Protein backbone atom coordinates (compact mmCIF):
# COMPACT_ATOMS: atom_id res chain seq x y z
CA MET A 1 -3.92 7.53 3.31
CA ALA A 2 -0.72 6.18 2.00
CA GLN A 3 0.47 5.42 -1.56
CA VAL A 4 2.58 2.55 -1.75
CA GLN A 5 5.07 2.11 -4.61
CA SER A 6 7.56 -0.60 -5.80
CA THR A 7 10.61 0.33 -7.54
CA ALA A 8 13.39 -2.03 -8.73
CA THR A 9 15.33 -1.62 -5.31
CA HIS A 10 12.76 -0.01 -2.68
CA LEU A 11 9.41 -0.15 -1.33
CA VAL A 12 8.45 3.54 -0.90
CA VAL A 13 5.65 4.80 1.11
CA THR A 14 4.29 8.36 0.74
CA LEU A 15 1.68 10.05 2.82
CA THR A 16 -1.12 12.10 1.17
CA GLY A 17 -3.23 15.05 2.09
CA ALA A 18 -3.57 16.44 5.56
CA ARG A 19 -1.66 13.17 6.77
CA ARG A 20 1.50 14.22 4.84
CA ALA A 21 1.31 17.61 6.67
CA PHE A 22 0.95 16.23 10.14
CA GLY A 23 2.54 12.71 9.97
CA ARG A 24 5.47 12.75 7.83
CA TRP A 25 6.28 14.72 4.66
CA ARG A 26 9.12 12.81 3.33
CA PRO A 27 8.56 9.32 1.97
CA LEU A 28 9.67 6.09 3.98
CA SER A 29 11.77 3.96 1.68
CA PHE A 30 12.88 0.46 2.46
CA PRO A 31 15.19 -1.80 0.30
CA TRP A 32 13.44 -5.10 -0.65
CA THR A 33 16.05 -6.86 1.60
CA GLN A 34 14.26 -5.39 4.63
CA VAL A 35 10.66 -6.19 3.52
CA THR A 36 9.71 -9.59 4.89
CA GLY A 37 6.00 -9.91 4.57
CA VAL A 38 2.72 -8.23 3.80
CA ARG A 39 -0.99 -8.96 4.66
CA VAL A 40 -4.20 -7.28 4.63
CA ASP A 41 -5.25 -7.22 8.38
CA PRO A 42 -8.01 -4.99 9.53
CA GLU A 43 -7.70 -6.45 12.99
CA ALA A 44 -4.39 -5.46 13.61
CA ALA A 45 -5.11 -2.10 12.48
CA ARG A 46 -7.91 -1.75 15.06
CA ARG A 47 -5.52 -2.63 18.23
CA PHE A 48 -4.11 0.03 20.30
CA PRO A 49 -0.81 1.07 18.62
CA GLY A 50 1.16 1.65 21.77
CA ALA A 51 3.12 4.58 23.13
CA ARG A 52 4.03 7.46 20.84
CA TRP A 53 7.36 7.68 19.87
CA GLY A 54 8.54 10.88 18.26
CA VAL A 55 5.78 12.85 16.19
CA ALA A 56 2.48 10.76 16.52
CA SER A 57 -1.16 11.30 16.80
CA ASN A 58 -3.65 8.77 18.47
CA ILE A 59 -7.24 9.62 18.40
CA PRO A 60 -9.19 6.55 19.26
CA GLY A 61 -11.79 5.68 16.59
CA VAL A 62 -10.44 8.35 14.36
CA ILE A 63 -6.83 7.96 13.28
CA ASN A 64 -3.37 6.63 14.40
CA LEU A 65 -0.56 8.35 12.57
CA GLY A 66 2.97 8.32 13.29
CA SER A 67 5.62 6.16 15.18
CA PHE A 68 4.74 3.98 18.04
CA ARG A 69 6.24 1.54 20.30
CA ARG A 70 4.61 -1.66 21.71
CA ASN A 71 6.09 -4.60 23.46
CA GLY A 72 9.50 -3.66 21.93
CA SER A 73 8.14 -3.23 18.59
CA ARG A 74 8.59 -0.04 16.49
CA ASP A 75 5.72 0.54 14.24
CA PHE A 76 4.63 3.38 11.79
CA TRP A 77 0.85 3.87 11.52
CA ASP A 78 -1.19 5.72 8.92
CA VAL A 79 -4.60 4.26 9.60
CA ALA A 80 -8.15 6.03 9.71
CA ASP A 81 -10.05 3.11 8.31
CA PRO A 82 -8.89 -0.32 9.46
CA THR A 83 -10.72 -2.10 6.77
CA ARG A 84 -8.56 -0.57 4.14
CA ALA A 85 -5.34 -1.66 6.18
CA VAL A 86 -2.08 -3.67 4.98
CA VAL A 87 0.56 -4.60 7.41
CA VAL A 88 4.28 -4.67 5.96
CA GLU A 89 6.60 -6.46 7.97
CA LEU A 90 10.28 -5.46 8.09
CA ARG A 91 13.59 -6.40 9.53
CA ASP A 92 16.82 -4.62 10.40
CA ALA A 93 14.96 -1.17 9.34
CA LYS A 94 13.79 1.66 11.58
CA TYR A 95 10.63 0.17 12.10
CA ASP A 96 9.34 -3.43 12.55
CA ARG A 97 6.12 -2.81 10.94
CA LEU A 98 4.23 -0.49 8.75
CA LEU A 99 0.31 -0.18 9.28
CA LEU A 100 -0.93 1.54 6.19
CA GLU A 101 -4.44 2.61 5.06
CA VAL A 102 -4.37 2.19 1.19
CA ASP A 103 -7.10 2.39 -1.48
CA ASP A 104 -7.11 -1.19 -2.41
CA PRO A 105 -5.55 -3.51 0.37
CA GLN A 106 -5.80 -6.57 -1.70
CA ALA A 107 -3.81 -4.99 -4.74
CA THR A 108 -1.32 -3.39 -2.55
CA ALA A 109 -0.72 -6.58 -0.89
CA ALA A 110 -0.65 -8.56 -4.21
CA ALA A 111 1.62 -6.07 -5.79
CA ILE A 112 4.21 -6.72 -3.12
CA ARG A 113 4.38 -10.39 -2.67
CA PRO A 114 6.12 -11.17 -5.91
CA ARG A 115 8.90 -8.91 -4.79
CA LEU A 116 9.32 -10.86 -1.73
CA ALA A 117 9.60 -14.19 -3.53
CA ARG A 118 12.25 -12.82 -5.69
CA GLU A 119 14.35 -11.42 -2.47
CA ARG A 120 14.30 -14.80 -0.85
């Protein structure tokens, strides 16, 4: 599962538990100018993530964790339960999208949206 934090200048994503050990132990950090959108989207999290890119695990129906490429898009996934997924859209960053399983998808998206309005 991912913890999403908002700082004054960045969106910071930290993996927790075993996912941190197997997926990414350092936090992902993106300046707010690179964050272009956020939505709660269980359907996007149910789709096949694409080809693994770097360190990644794809166990269908269990977990998608790591970096994937699909149709020219570079995505970071941390999803075991698609019903708790948010999708964060990025530009000019290492990834085009982050698909993240969080405790409360609605609250996470609601916390990010005000920052997007300020950066525009």
